[in-house]
Every structure is written in C-alpha cells, then in structure tokens.
Amino acid sequence: MKNAIDKSNPIPLYIQLGNWLEMMIKADSFKVGSMLPSENELATVVEVNRNTVRHAITLLIQKGLVEKKKGVGTFVKRKLPIYPVRKLNRMTSFVDDFEMDNVEIEDRILLKEKVPVTPDIAEKLFLTPQEFAVKIERLRIADKLPLVLEIQYYRFSSFGRLLEMDIKGSMYKILTTIFDVDLDHSVQTIRAVYPTEDIADKLHITPSIPCIFLESLAYTEEGLCIEVLHSFYRGDRYLFKVETGEYYRGIGTAEK
C-alpha cells in the first residue's frame, strides 16, 4: 500500500491515491460490499494527511464506486465507475443512458414557471412574441451525482398543466401518455462549452471542466416543434455514441 503514491510525481497526491484505490477495486483487492480501510489508517500507511485521503475518497464517490455510511465507514459499491452513454440515433430519456440495474436515478426540479418567450424560443416553438412558454429546469442525478442540467421549454397554451404536475422520469413518456403527443423525431445540435459558475455549481464541478451542450428540438409528424431542450452534460462523466450508416464512396467525386 505504501507504493500507492509517488511524492515526486507532479500529479496531485489525492488523484494518485484515488487512482490506486480504483485499481484495487477493479482487481477485487477491495471487493464489492467490503469496507475500505479507514481514513486514518490509509493516511498512516500511505504517509499522507487525512485531507488527502478524504479528497481521494470523494473522487471514488463521484465515480459511483463507493458510498459512505455515516458512523460506519466507506463501502465498495461497484467495480466499474458510472459512465452513462447518450445514444443519438433515436429519441431517448436520461434513464435510457444507463446499462446498470443498481443505479439510483433521481430528478430534482430547480425551476418550473410560466415565462415570456425570448425571440429564439418563440421562433423554434412557432409562437408569437406576445405568447408564453412553460420553462422547466431540472437536475438529473445518478447515485447522488449530478450529471445533467436540463432546461426545457413548451408552449404554455398547450402544456400549461405541466406547472401543476409532479414531474419525474421521462418527459417524453409524460408528453405521449398524458398529453397524447405524437413524437416523431428530433433535431439535435451538440457543442462543447465551459459552464457558467451557476451551471458548474449545480453540476458540482468547476467552471474549468467543459460540458457537452445539447439542444434538442422535438417535432410531431406534421413538423410542429413541441419541445426545446437545452442540456448541459458533464464532460468528465458522459459519453456520446452515434451509429452511422455505410460509407458512401461517391462523396467528393464528380459523376461521369
């Protein structure tokens, strides 16, 4: 255990210790369900201060590998960290991004109100500047780790009842079952952004960690946009996956 860190290495000690503990968990040296050595014990054996150990344990908690039980200790929860995968080949919800059965999913509504539409939202929802929209801001959480901040807009005249509802889980399920909406397709635009301090604070990251910003416009079969969704995904935790079709050999060549 004394070889867990190299004090001559420029990598911060808590990151080295966190990486070593993660390696030990993957190797079954610390088995799922077992308790890690105490912070005092780790600090003594590795010859670092307790604050370094505490930061290393926090890294493991953020990855979903361990959990703290108050007054008892820190226990191994799983061998592999949580890396949800967002698939872009179809319309999916947050819960579809996880392949693990033992992930605790939580929604936290941060804002739900009737708002005047901005010119951008009015154009996308086919509203006049005088109309209103329903704005919902919610945090998507897995195993107590904030992963996605979603800001959703809907025309108030059609979806005002959302303000009175207890919104949990898939919004697409709510729209299709309660409002009988025909969700036909979506258009998604993705780019990397640095979060504002407010967004970073909500996602429990620093503003220096990039986010993946996704704008999704959901349409009916008739081409009516019924949802504008702005999502900020933690760039350090989320993976995106796209399945493509066959390579078209004729691209870039002139027809003869």
C-alpha atoms as a PDB file:
ATOM      1  CA  MET A   1       0.000   0.000   0.000  1.00  0.00           C
ATOM      2  CA  LYS A   2       2.981   2.297   0.535  1.00  0.00           C
ATOM      3  CA  ASN A   3       3.519   2.209  -3.258  1.00  0.00           C
ATOM      4  CA  ALA A   4       0.097   3.754  -3.842  1.00  0.00           C
ATOM      5  CA  ILE A   5       1.587   7.197  -4.493  1.00  0.00           C
ATOM      6  CA  ASP A   6       4.823   8.747  -5.698  1.00  0.00           C
ATOM      7  CA  LYS A   7       5.513  12.055  -3.967  1.00  0.00           C
ATOM      8  CA  SER A   8       7.960  13.056  -6.704  1.00  0.00           C
ATOM      9  CA  ASN A   9       5.180  12.748  -9.279  1.00  0.00           C
ATOM     10  CA  PRO A  10       3.616  16.123 -10.253  1.00  0.00           C
ATOM     11  CA  ILE A  11       0.139  14.551 -10.265  1.00  0.00           C
ATOM     12  CA  PRO A  12      -1.689  15.638  -7.065  1.00  0.00           C
ATOM     13  CA  LEU A  13      -1.416  13.063  -4.285  1.00  0.00           C
ATOM     14  CA  TYR A  14      -5.172  12.694  -3.831  1.00  0.00           C
ATOM     15  CA  ILE A  15      -5.587  11.838  -7.539  1.00  0.00           C
ATOM     16  CA  GLN A  16      -2.793   9.260  -7.330  1.00  0.00           C
ATOM     17  CA  LEU A  17      -4.360   7.705  -4.249  1.00  0.00           C
ATOM     18  CA  GLY A  18      -7.832   7.749  -5.837  1.00  0.00           C
ATOM     19  CA  ASN A  19      -6.494   6.055  -8.974  1.00  0.00           C
ATOM     20  CA  TRP A  20      -4.728   3.414  -6.878  1.00  0.00           C
ATOM     21  CA  LEU A  21      -7.855   2.671  -4.840  1.00  0.00           C
ATOM     22  CA  GLU A  22      -9.873   2.402  -8.054  1.00  0.00           C
ATOM     23  CA  MET A  23      -7.319  -0.048  -9.437  1.00  0.00           C
ATOM     24  CA  MET A  24      -7.538  -2.128  -6.261  1.00  0.00           C
ATOM     25  CA  ILE A  25     -11.338  -2.215  -6.531  1.00  0.00           C
ATOM     26  CA  LYS A  26     -11.182  -3.345 -10.158  1.00  0.00           C
ATOM     27  CA  ALA A  27      -8.693  -6.058  -9.187  1.00  0.00           C
ATOM     28  CA  ASP A  28     -11.035  -7.298  -6.416  1.00  0.00           C
ATOM     29  CA  SER A  29      -8.468  -6.468  -3.738  1.00  0.00           C
ATOM     30  CA  PHE A  30     -11.336  -4.490  -2.243  1.00  0.00           C
ATOM     31  CA  LYS A  31     -14.425  -6.499  -3.104  1.00  0.00           C
ATOM     32  CA  VAL A  32     -17.905  -5.141  -3.737  1.00  0.00           C
ATOM     33  CA  GLY A  33     -19.675  -4.853  -0.390  1.00  0.00           C
ATOM     34  CA  SER A  34     -16.474  -4.708   1.640  1.00  0.00           C
ATOM     35  CA  MET A  35     -15.384  -1.740   3.726  1.00  0.00           C
ATOM     36  CA  LEU A  36     -12.317   0.278   2.768  1.00  0.00           C
ATOM     37  CA  PRO A  37      -9.641   0.951   5.382  1.00  0.00           C
ATOM     38  CA  SER A  38     -10.493   3.987   7.493  1.00  0.00           C
ATOM     39  CA  GLU A  39      -9.240   7.438   6.513  1.00  0.00           C
ATOM     40  CA  ASN A  40      -6.853   7.420   9.484  1.00  0.00           C
ATOM     41  CA  GLU A  41      -5.495   4.012   8.518  1.00  0.00           C
ATOM     42  CA  LEU A  42      -4.966   4.987   4.882  1.00  0.00           C
ATOM     43  CA  ALA A  43      -3.331   8.266   5.872  1.00  0.00           C
ATOM     44  CA  THR A  44      -0.927   6.476   8.212  1.00  0.00           C
ATOM     45  CA  VAL A  45       0.055   3.673   5.856  1.00  0.00           C
ATOM     46  CA  VAL A  46       0.366   5.837   2.715  1.00  0.00           C
ATOM     47  CA  GLU A  47       2.043   8.616   4.724  1.00  0.00           C
ATOM     48  CA  VAL A  48      -0.206  11.482   3.673  1.00  0.00           C
ATOM     49  CA  ASN A  49      -2.532  13.725   5.649  1.00  0.00           C
ATOM     50  CA  ARG A  50      -6.146  12.776   6.233  1.00  0.00           C
ATOM     51  CA  ASN A  51      -7.394  15.582   3.992  1.00  0.00           C
ATOM     52  CA  THR A  52      -5.624  13.972   1.019  1.00  0.00           C
ATOM     53  CA  VAL A  53      -7.363  10.672   1.764  1.00  0.00           C
ATOM     54  CA  ARG A  54     -10.720  12.415   2.093  1.00  0.00           C
ATOM     55  CA  HIS A  55     -10.310  14.035  -1.352  1.00  0.00           C
ATOM     56  CA  ALA A  56      -9.330  10.664  -2.856  1.00  0.00           C
ATOM     57  CA  ILE A  57     -12.450   9.015  -1.387  1.00  0.00           C
ATOM     58  CA  THR A  58     -14.569  11.868  -2.775  1.00  0.00           C
ATOM     59  CA  LEU A  59     -13.281  11.029  -6.272  1.00  0.00           C
ATOM     60  CA  LEU A  60     -14.436   7.434  -5.828  1.00  0.00           C
ATOM     61  CA  ILE A  61     -17.839   8.580  -4.578  1.00  0.00           C
ATOM     62  CA  GLN A  62     -18.224  10.845  -7.626  1.00  0.00           C
ATOM     63  CA  LYS A  63     -17.500   7.874  -9.885  1.00  0.00           C
ATOM     64  CA  GLY A  64     -20.113   5.790  -8.077  1.00  0.00           C
ATOM     65  CA  LEU A  65     -17.555   3.224  -6.914  1.00  0.00           C
ATOM     66  CA  VAL A  66     -18.019   3.629  -3.162  1.00  0.00           C
ATOM     67  CA  GLU A  67     -20.543   5.031  -0.706  1.00  0.00           C
ATOM     68  CA  LYS A  68     -20.166   6.378   2.803  1.00  0.00           C
ATOM     69  CA  LYS A  69     -22.348   5.102   5.615  1.00  0.00           C
ATOM     70  CA  LYS A  70     -22.429   7.639   8.406  1.00  0.00           C
ATOM     71  CA  GLY A  71     -20.756   6.435  11.559  1.00  0.00           C
ATOM     72  CA  VAL A  72     -19.708   3.141   9.945  1.00  0.00           C
ATOM     73  CA  GLY A  73     -17.279   3.646   7.070  1.00  0.00           C
ATOM     74  CA  THR A  74     -16.819   3.671   3.294  1.00  0.00           C
ATOM     75  CA  PHE A  75     -18.038   0.640   1.351  1.00  0.00           C
ATOM     76  CA  VAL A  76     -17.325  -0.556  -2.186  1.00  0.00           C
ATOM     77  CA  LYS A  77     -20.485  -0.231  -4.265  1.00  0.00           C
ATOM     78  CA  ARG A  78     -19.353  -1.426  -7.702  1.00  0.00           C
ATOM     79  CA  LYS A  79     -16.209  -2.379  -9.610  1.00  0.00           C
ATOM     80  CA  LEU A  80     -16.621  -0.036 -12.555  1.00  0.00           C
ATOM     81  CA  PRO A  81     -17.358   3.711 -12.482  1.00  0.00           C
ATOM     82  CA  ILE A  82     -20.605   5.177 -13.802  1.00  0.00           C
ATOM     83  CA  TYR A  83     -20.165   6.425 -17.369  1.00  0.00           C
ATOM     84  CA  PRO A  84     -23.618   6.883 -18.876  1.00  0.00           C
ATOM     85  CA  VAL A  85     -23.783   6.688 -22.671  1.00  0.00           C
ATOM     86  CA  ARG A  86     -26.044   9.021 -24.632  1.00  0.00           C
ATOM     87  CA  LYS A  87     -27.119   7.388 -27.909  1.00  0.00           C
ATOM     88  CA  LEU A  88     -28.011   9.861 -30.619  1.00  0.00           C
ATOM     89  CA  ASN A  89     -29.629   7.525 -33.157  1.00  0.00           C
ATOM     90  CA  ARG A  90     -33.076   7.752 -31.517  1.00  0.00           C
ATOM     91  CA  MET A  91     -35.101   9.797 -29.016  1.00  0.00           C
ATOM     92  CA  THR A  92     -34.184   8.645 -25.525  1.00  0.00           C
ATOM     93  CA  SER A  93     -34.520   9.759 -21.928  1.00  0.00           C
ATOM     94  CA  PHE A  94     -31.949  10.059 -19.140  1.00  0.00           C
ATOM     95  CA  VAL A  95     -32.870   6.653 -17.701  1.00  0.00           C
ATOM     96  CA  ASP A  96     -32.021   5.018 -21.045  1.00  0.00           C
ATOM     97  CA  ASP A  97     -28.389   6.131 -20.741  1.00  0.00           C
ATOM     98  CA  PHE A  98     -27.589   3.539 -18.066  1.00  0.00           C
ATOM     99  CA  GLU A  99     -26.951  -0.170 -18.564  1.00  0.00           C
ATOM    100  CA  MET A 100     -26.541  -0.905 -14.849  1.00  0.00           C
ATOM    101  CA  ASP A 101     -29.502  -2.130 -12.814  1.00  0.00           C
ATOM    102  CA  ASN A 102     -28.265  -0.865  -9.464  1.00  0.00           C
ATOM    103  CA  VAL A 103     -28.082   2.847 -10.285  1.00  0.00           C
ATOM    104  CA  GLU A 104     -30.315   5.099  -8.192  1.00  0.00           C
ATOM    105  CA  ILE A 105     -31.905   7.683 -10.504  1.00  0.00           C
ATOM    106  CA  GLU A 106     -33.190  10.983  -9.107  1.00  0.00           C
ATOM    107  CA  ASP A 107     -34.802  14.085 -10.619  1.00  0.00           C
ATOM    108  CA  ARG A 108     -34.567  17.433  -8.849  1.00  0.00           C
ATOM    109  CA  ILE A 109     -36.820  20.228 -10.117  1.00  0.00           C
ATOM    110  CA  LEU A 110     -34.979  23.538  -9.740  1.00  0.00           C
ATOM    111  CA  LEU A 111     -37.475  25.779 -11.529  1.00  0.00           C
ATOM    112  CA  LYS A 112     -40.946  25.466 -13.030  1.00  0.00           C
ATOM    113  CA  GLU A 113     -42.709  28.600 -14.216  1.00  0.00           C
ATOM    114  CA  LYS A 114     -44.638  30.454 -16.918  1.00  0.00           C
ATOM    115  CA  VAL A 115     -42.296  32.819 -18.765  1.00  0.00           C
ATOM    116  CA  PRO A 116     -42.452  35.275 -21.678  1.00  0.00           C
ATOM    117  CA  VAL A 117     -40.772  33.759 -24.707  1.00  0.00           C
ATOM    118  CA  THR A 118     -37.458  35.024 -25.986  1.00  0.00           C
ATOM    119  CA  PRO A 119     -37.200  35.609 -29.756  1.00  0.00           C
ATOM    120  CA  ASP A 120     -35.155  32.398 -30.123  1.00  0.00           C
ATOM    121  CA  ILE A 121     -37.643  30.184 -28.236  1.00  0.00           C
ATOM    122  CA  ALA A 122     -40.612  31.850 -29.946  1.00  0.00           C
ATOM    123  CA  GLU A 123     -39.170  31.062 -33.371  1.00  0.00           C
ATOM    124  CA  LYS A 124     -38.478  27.419 -32.542  1.00  0.00           C
ATOM    125  CA  LEU A 125     -41.858  26.756 -30.885  1.00  0.00           C
ATOM    126  CA  PHE A 126     -43.729  28.719 -33.585  1.00  0.00           C
ATOM    127  CA  LEU A 127     -45.032  31.269 -31.071  1.00  0.00           C
ATOM    128  CA  THR A 128     -45.659  34.987 -31.331  1.00  0.00           C
ATOM    129  CA  PRO A 129     -43.573  37.347 -29.152  1.00  0.00           C
ATOM    130  CA  GLN A 130     -46.666  38.018 -27.013  1.00  0.00           C
ATOM    131  CA  GLU A 131     -47.189  34.370 -26.047  1.00  0.00           C
ATOM    132  CA  PHE A 132     -45.839  32.472 -23.026  1.00  0.00           C
ATOM    133  CA  ALA A 133     -43.909  29.272 -22.508  1.00  0.00           C
ATOM    134  CA  VAL A 134     -43.565  26.750 -19.724  1.00  0.00           C
ATOM    135  CA  LYS A 135     -39.941  26.677 -18.531  1.00  0.00           C
ATOM    136  CA  ILE A 136     -38.706  23.708 -16.518  1.00  0.00           C
ATOM    137  CA  GLU A 137     -35.205  23.379 -15.142  1.00  0.00           C
ATOM    138  CA  ARG A 138     -34.239  20.084 -13.586  1.00  0.00           C
ATOM    139  CA  LEU A 139     -31.134  18.259 -12.468  1.00  0.00           C
ATOM    140  CA  ARG A 140     -30.688  14.620 -13.496  1.00  0.00           C
ATOM    141  CA  ILE A 141     -28.840  12.664 -10.821  1.00  0.00           C
ATOM    142  CA  ALA A 142     -27.446   9.121 -10.636  1.00  0.00           C
ATOM    143  CA  ASP A 143     -26.294   7.690  -7.321  1.00  0.00           C
ATOM    144  CA  LYS A 144     -26.387  11.201  -5.811  1.00  0.00           C
ATOM    145  CA  LEU A 145     -24.074  12.512  -8.538  1.00  0.00           C
ATOM    146  CA  PRO A 146     -25.453  15.404 -10.676  1.00  0.00           C
ATOM    147  CA  LEU A 147     -24.798  14.536 -14.309  1.00  0.00           C
ATOM    148  CA  VAL A 148     -27.105  16.645 -16.487  1.00  0.00           C
ATOM    149  CA  LEU A 149     -28.776  20.023 -16.145  1.00  0.00           C
ATOM    150  CA  GLU A 150     -31.849  20.255 -18.387  1.00  0.00           C
ATOM    151  CA  ILE A 151     -33.736  23.426 -19.335  1.00  0.00           C
ATOM    152  CA  GLN A 152     -36.980  22.652 -21.185  1.00  0.00           C
ATOM    153  CA  TYR A 153     -39.481  24.930 -22.956  1.00  0.00           C
ATOM    154  CA  TYR A 154     -43.061  24.161 -24.049  1.00  0.00           C
ATOM    155  CA  ARG A 155     -45.866  26.378 -25.337  1.00  0.00           C
ATOM    156  CA  PHE A 156     -47.993  27.400 -22.355  1.00  0.00           C
ATOM    157  CA  SER A 157     -51.280  27.247 -24.279  1.00  0.00           C
ATOM    158  CA  SER A 158     -50.816  23.505 -24.885  1.00  0.00           C
ATOM    159  CA  PHE A 159     -48.752  22.337 -21.911  1.00  0.00           C
ATOM    160  CA  GLY A 160     -49.621  24.720 -19.066  1.00  0.00           C
ATOM    161  CA  ARG A 161     -50.721  21.743 -16.957  1.00  0.00           C
ATOM    162  CA  LEU A 162     -47.048  20.799 -16.568  1.00  0.00           C
ATOM    163  CA  LEU A 163     -46.797  23.552 -13.953  1.00  0.00           C
ATOM    164  CA  GLU A 164     -49.242  21.649 -11.730  1.00  0.00           C
ATOM    165  CA  MET A 165     -47.713  18.201 -12.206  1.00  0.00           C
ATOM    166  CA  ASP A 166     -45.126  16.274 -10.228  1.00  0.00           C
ATOM    167  CA  ILE A 167     -42.567  15.744 -12.985  1.00  0.00           C
ATOM    168  CA  LYS A 168     -40.379  12.664 -12.622  1.00  0.00           C
ATOM    169  CA  GLY A 169     -38.618  10.374 -15.046  1.00  0.00           C
ATOM    170  CA  SER A 170     -39.049  10.570 -18.800  1.00  0.00           C
ATOM    171  CA  MET A 171     -40.628  13.769 -20.078  1.00  0.00           C
ATOM    172  CA  TYR A 172     -41.267  12.003 -23.384  1.00  0.00           C
ATOM    173  CA  LYS A 173     -43.422   9.473 -21.541  1.00  0.00           C
ATOM    174  CA  ILE A 174     -45.390  12.306 -19.913  1.00  0.00           C
ATOM    175  CA  LEU A 175     -45.906  14.052 -23.267  1.00  0.00           C
ATOM    176  CA  THR A 176     -47.041  10.904 -25.076  1.00  0.00           C
ATOM    177  CA  THR A 177     -49.234   9.370 -22.359  1.00  0.00           C
ATOM    178  CA  ILE A 178     -50.783  12.394 -20.618  1.00  0.00           C
ATOM    179  CA  PHE A 179     -50.822  14.933 -23.452  1.00  0.00           C
ATOM    180  CA  ASP A 180     -51.190  12.352 -26.250  1.00  0.00           C
ATOM    181  CA  VAL A 181     -48.393  13.991 -28.245  1.00  0.00           C
ATOM    182  CA  ASP A 182     -47.123  12.344 -31.404  1.00  0.00           C
ATOM    183  CA  LEU A 183     -43.338  12.468 -31.011  1.00  0.00           C
ATOM    184  CA  ASP A 184     -41.999  11.711 -34.457  1.00  0.00           C
ATOM    185  CA  HIS A 185     -38.381  12.875 -34.491  1.00  0.00           C
ATOM    186  CA  SER A 186     -35.894  15.323 -33.037  1.00  0.00           C
ATOM    187  CA  VAL A 187     -33.090  17.504 -34.352  1.00  0.00           C
ATOM    188  CA  GLN A 188     -30.069  17.634 -32.043  1.00  0.00           C
ATOM    189  CA  THR A 189     -27.161  20.050 -32.099  1.00  0.00           C
ATOM    190  CA  ILE A 190     -24.070  19.439 -29.953  1.00  0.00           C
ATOM    191  CA  ARG A 191     -21.109  21.560 -28.988  1.00  0.00           C
ATOM    192  CA  ALA A 192     -18.575  21.804 -26.177  1.00  0.00           C
ATOM    193  CA  VAL A 193     -18.927  24.739 -23.768  1.00  0.00           C
ATOM    194  CA  TYR A 194     -17.461  25.913 -20.499  1.00  0.00           C
ATOM    195  CA  PRO A 195     -20.223  26.135 -17.888  1.00  0.00           C
ATOM    196  CA  THR A 196     -21.117  29.363 -16.151  1.00  0.00           C
ATOM    197  CA  GLU A 197     -20.430  29.456 -12.428  1.00  0.00           C
ATOM    198  CA  ASP A 198     -24.131  28.852 -11.760  1.00  0.00           C
ATOM    199  CA  ILE A 199     -24.290  25.772 -14.003  1.00  0.00           C
ATOM    200  CA  ALA A 200     -20.979  24.443 -12.651  1.00  0.00           C
ATOM    201  CA  ASP A 201     -22.233  24.833  -9.099  1.00  0.00           C
ATOM    202  CA  LYS A 202     -25.405  22.873  -9.888  1.00  0.00           C
ATOM    203  CA  LEU A 203     -23.390  20.086 -11.517  1.00  0.00           C
ATOM    204  CA  HIS A 204     -20.824  20.022  -8.677  1.00  0.00           C
ATOM    205  CA  ILE A 205     -17.920  20.784 -10.997  1.00  0.00           C
ATOM    206  CA  THR A 206     -15.565  23.714 -11.515  1.00  0.00           C
ATOM    207  CA  PRO A 207     -16.065  26.127 -14.451  1.00  0.00           C
ATOM    208  CA  SER A 208     -12.821  24.769 -15.938  1.00  0.00           C
ATOM    209  CA  ILE A 209     -14.442  21.379 -16.678  1.00  0.00           C
ATOM    210  CA  PRO A 210     -16.113  21.507 -20.113  1.00  0.00           C
ATOM    211  CA  CYS A 211     -19.711  20.466 -20.605  1.00  0.00           C
ATOM    212  CA  ILE A 212     -21.350  18.958 -23.648  1.00  0.00           C
ATOM    213  CA  PHE A 213     -24.193  21.294 -24.591  1.00  0.00           C
ATOM    214  CA  LEU A 214     -27.029  19.628 -26.488  1.00  0.00           C
ATOM    215  CA  GLU A 215     -30.001  21.434 -27.979  1.00  0.00           C
ATOM    216  CA  SER A 216     -32.807  19.069 -28.929  1.00  0.00           C
ATOM    217  CA  LEU A 217     -35.898  20.149 -30.858  1.00  0.00           C
ATOM    218  CA  ALA A 218     -38.699  17.544 -30.690  1.00  0.00           C
ATOM    219  CA  TYR A 219     -41.202  17.505 -33.563  1.00  0.00           C
ATOM    220  CA  THR A 220     -44.539  15.888 -34.345  1.00  0.00           C
ATOM    221  CA  GLU A 221     -45.106  14.068 -37.617  1.00  0.00           C
ATOM    222  CA  GLU A 222     -46.608  17.284 -39.009  1.00  0.00           C
ATOM    223  CA  GLY A 223     -43.381  19.156 -38.281  1.00  0.00           C
ATOM    224  CA  LEU A 224     -44.586  21.103 -35.236  1.00  0.00           C
ATOM    225  CA  CYS A 225     -41.863  21.682 -32.638  1.00  0.00           C
ATOM    226  CA  ILE A 226     -43.323  20.961 -29.206  1.00  0.00           C
ATOM    227  CA  GLU A 227     -40.163  20.939 -27.070  1.00  0.00           C
ATOM    228  CA  VAL A 228     -36.953  22.947 -26.931  1.00  0.00           C
ATOM    229  CA  LEU A 229     -34.488  21.197 -24.652  1.00  0.00           C
ATOM    230  CA  HIS A 230     -31.131  22.640 -23.582  1.00  0.00           C
ATOM    231  CA  SER A 231     -28.998  20.077 -21.769  1.00  0.00           C
ATOM    232  CA  PHE A 232     -25.611  20.532 -20.114  1.00  0.00           C
ATOM    233  CA  TYR A 233     -23.839  17.183 -19.723  1.00  0.00           C
ATOM    234  CA  ARG A 234     -20.796  16.843 -17.509  1.00  0.00           C
ATOM    235  CA  GLY A 235     -17.896  16.430 -19.901  1.00  0.00           C
ATOM    236  CA  ASP A 236     -15.899  14.433 -17.369  1.00  0.00           C
ATOM    237  CA  ARG A 237     -18.616  11.818 -16.858  1.00  0.00           C
ATOM    238  CA  TYR A 238     -20.689  11.433 -20.030  1.00  0.00           C
ATOM    239  CA  LEU A 239     -20.049   9.505 -23.230  1.00  0.00           C
ATOM    240  CA  PHE A 240     -21.873  10.041 -26.529  1.00  0.00           C
ATOM    241  CA  LYS A 241     -22.414   7.280 -29.067  1.00  0.00           C
ATOM    242  CA  VAL A 242     -23.559   7.542 -32.693  1.00  0.00           C
ATOM    243  CA  GLU A 243     -24.216   4.648 -35.045  1.00  0.00           C
ATOM    244  CA  THR A 244     -23.603   5.574 -38.679  1.00  0.00           C
ATOM    245  CA  GLY A 245     -24.561   4.030 -41.982  1.00  0.00           C
ATOM    246  CA  GLU A 246     -22.393   2.734 -44.780  1.00  0.00           C
ATOM    247  CA  TYR A 247     -19.632   4.925 -46.183  1.00  0.00           C
ATOM    248  CA  TYR A 248     -20.766   6.492 -49.434  1.00  0.00           C
ATOM    249  CA  ARG A 249     -17.920   6.124 -51.896  1.00  0.00           C
ATOM    250  CA  GLY A 250     -19.334   8.703 -54.253  1.00  0.00           C
ATOM    251  CA  ILE A 251     -18.855  11.617 -51.839  1.00  0.00           C
ATOM    252  CA  GLY A 252     -16.461  14.177 -53.238  1.00  0.00           C
ATOM    253  CA  THR A 253     -16.276  12.619 -56.698  1.00  0.00           C
ATOM    254  CA  ALA A 254     -17.800  14.015 -59.825  1.00  0.00           C
ATOM    255  CA  GLU A 255     -20.359  11.985 -61.708  1.00  0.00           C
ATOM    256  CA  LYS A 256     -19.363  10.806 -65.137  1.00  0.00           C
END
